[in-house]
Amino acid sequence: MQKLTNKEEEIMKILWKLKKAFVKEVMVEMKEGKPHYNTLSTIIRNLEEKGFVGHEVFGNTHRYYPIVSKENYRKTFVNATIADYYGNSYKSLVSFFAKEEKISVEELKEIIKLIENKK
């Protein structure tokens, strides 16, 4: 699975939220830096070519829907990030957050409990 650009991810988040949408409906949901309608349409068609999006035909227009689930994309993205930046070590990832004070001792204890309960 390919890594998406920031704009592609933004559009996918909208499609995951809406489930099905026409280009104009995606445009309404976009926050800042809205592209031109034709540009947005091209990005969505590119997402379709990459296998992330499918479409249904309604006359001369298409309604798009996600093919790749948010959970599957997240899992792939997180695994790739851990491989690229943390040498495939989840310990290194957690250590990074602990050193940056992005995770508390209480949260670490909760994670340990979750791991222990899985065994």
Protein backbone atom coordinates (compact mmCIF):
# COMPACT_ATOMS: atom_id res chain seq x y z
CA MET A 1 0.00 0.00 0.00
CA GLN A 2 1.34 3.40 -0.97
CA LYS A 3 1.82 6.30 1.43
CA LEU A 4 -0.60 9.09 0.61
CA THR A 5 0.24 12.78 0.29
CA ASN A 6 -1.11 15.12 2.97
CA LYS A 7 -3.90 16.31 0.64
CA GLU A 8 -4.81 12.73 -0.30
CA GLU A 9 -4.98 11.80 3.40
CA GLU A 10 -7.21 14.80 4.07
CA ILE A 11 -9.57 13.66 1.30
CA MET A 12 -9.54 10.06 2.51
CA LYS A 13 -10.43 11.22 6.04
CA ILE A 14 -13.44 13.00 4.56
CA LEU A 15 -14.48 9.93 2.56
CA TRP A 16 -14.06 7.69 5.62
CA LYS A 17 -16.30 10.08 7.54
CA LEU A 18 -18.97 10.48 4.84
CA LYS A 19 -18.79 6.85 3.59
CA LYS A 20 -19.92 7.97 0.08
CA ALA A 21 -19.65 11.42 -1.48
CA PHE A 22 -19.69 13.41 -4.68
CA VAL A 23 -16.72 15.73 -5.35
CA LYS A 24 -18.79 18.78 -4.35
CA GLU A 25 -19.62 17.14 -0.99
CA VAL A 26 -15.92 16.47 -0.34
CA MET A 27 -15.20 20.12 -1.22
CA VAL A 28 -17.69 21.34 1.42
CA GLU A 29 -15.96 19.27 4.13
CA MET A 30 -12.46 20.57 3.35
CA LYS A 31 -11.07 23.07 5.82
CA GLU A 32 -8.25 25.30 4.61
CA GLY A 33 -6.54 25.48 1.24
CA LYS A 34 -9.47 24.14 -0.76
CA PRO A 35 -8.29 23.20 -4.23
CA HIS A 36 -10.23 24.09 -7.37
CA TYR A 37 -13.06 21.65 -8.12
CA ASN A 38 -11.19 20.15 -11.11
CA THR A 39 -8.03 19.70 -9.02
CA LEU A 40 -10.00 17.95 -6.28
CA SER A 41 -11.65 15.72 -8.86
CA THR A 42 -8.21 14.80 -10.25
CA ILE A 43 -6.87 13.97 -6.77
CA ILE A 44 -9.87 11.72 -6.09
CA ARG A 45 -9.39 9.96 -9.45
CA ASN A 46 -5.71 9.46 -8.52
CA LEU A 47 -6.84 7.88 -5.24
CA GLU A 48 -9.01 5.58 -7.32
CA GLU A 49 -6.04 4.63 -9.53
CA LYS A 50 -4.01 3.86 -6.38
CA GLY A 51 -6.78 1.52 -5.21
CA PHE A 52 -8.00 3.58 -2.26
CA VAL A 53 -11.32 4.73 -3.73
CA GLY A 54 -14.09 3.28 -5.88
CA HIS A 55 -17.03 4.98 -7.54
CA GLU A 56 -20.66 4.58 -8.55
CA VAL A 57 -21.96 6.29 -11.69
CA PHE A 58 -24.97 8.60 -11.49
CA GLY A 59 -25.59 10.00 -14.98
CA ASN A 60 -22.61 12.19 -15.80
CA THR A 61 -21.21 12.25 -12.27
CA HIS A 62 -19.55 9.82 -9.90
CA ARG A 63 -20.10 9.19 -6.22
CA TYR A 64 -16.90 8.02 -4.55
CA TYR A 65 -16.39 5.70 -1.59
CA PRO A 66 -13.33 4.35 0.24
CA ILE A 67 -12.12 0.86 -0.62
CA VAL A 68 -9.29 0.85 1.93
CA SER A 69 -10.51 1.13 5.51
CA LYS A 70 -9.12 3.75 7.84
CA GLU A 71 -7.95 0.97 10.18
CA ASN A 72 -6.00 -0.85 7.45
CA TYR A 73 -4.36 2.37 6.26
CA ARG A 74 -3.49 3.37 9.83
CA LYS A 75 -1.95 -0.04 10.55
CA THR A 76 0.15 0.09 7.38
CA PHE A 77 1.24 3.69 8.02
CA VAL A 78 2.14 3.06 11.69
CA ASN A 79 4.10 -0.09 10.84
CA ALA A 80 6.00 1.73 8.08
CA THR A 81 6.76 4.66 10.41
CA ILE A 82 8.06 2.35 13.13
CA ALA A 83 10.20 0.51 10.57
CA ASP A 84 11.58 3.73 9.02
CA TYR A 85 12.18 5.80 12.14
CA TYR A 86 12.49 3.35 15.02
CA GLY A 87 14.25 0.36 13.46
CA ASN A 88 11.13 -1.81 13.81
CA SER A 89 11.36 -1.39 17.59
CA TYR A 90 8.16 -0.55 19.43
CA LYS A 91 10.32 -0.13 22.53
CA SER A 92 12.20 2.68 20.76
CA LEU A 93 8.90 4.29 19.82
CA VAL A 94 7.56 4.21 23.38
CA SER A 95 10.94 5.41 24.72
CA PHE A 96 10.79 8.36 22.33
CA PHE A 97 7.37 9.40 23.64
CA ALA A 98 8.49 8.93 27.24
CA LYS A 99 11.60 11.08 26.72
CA GLU A 100 9.54 13.77 24.98
CA GLU A 101 7.07 13.61 27.90
CA LYS A 102 4.23 12.78 25.50
CA ILE A 103 3.20 9.77 27.55
CA SER A 104 2.70 9.62 31.31
CA VAL A 105 3.69 6.94 33.80
CA GLU A 106 -0.01 6.18 34.29
CA GLU A 107 -0.47 5.67 30.56
CA LEU A 108 2.58 3.38 30.46
CA LYS A 109 1.10 1.35 33.32
CA GLU A 110 -2.17 1.05 31.36
CA ILE A 111 -0.22 -0.19 28.32
CA ILE A 112 1.55 -2.78 30.48
CA LYS A 113 -1.82 -3.97 31.82
CA LEU A 114 -3.16 -4.29 28.28
CA ILE A 115 -0.14 -6.36 27.27
CA GLU A 116 -0.38 -8.56 30.36
CA ASN A 117 -4.09 -9.17 29.76
CA LYS A 118 -3.37 -10.31 26.19
CA LYS A 119 -1.13 -13.14 27.43
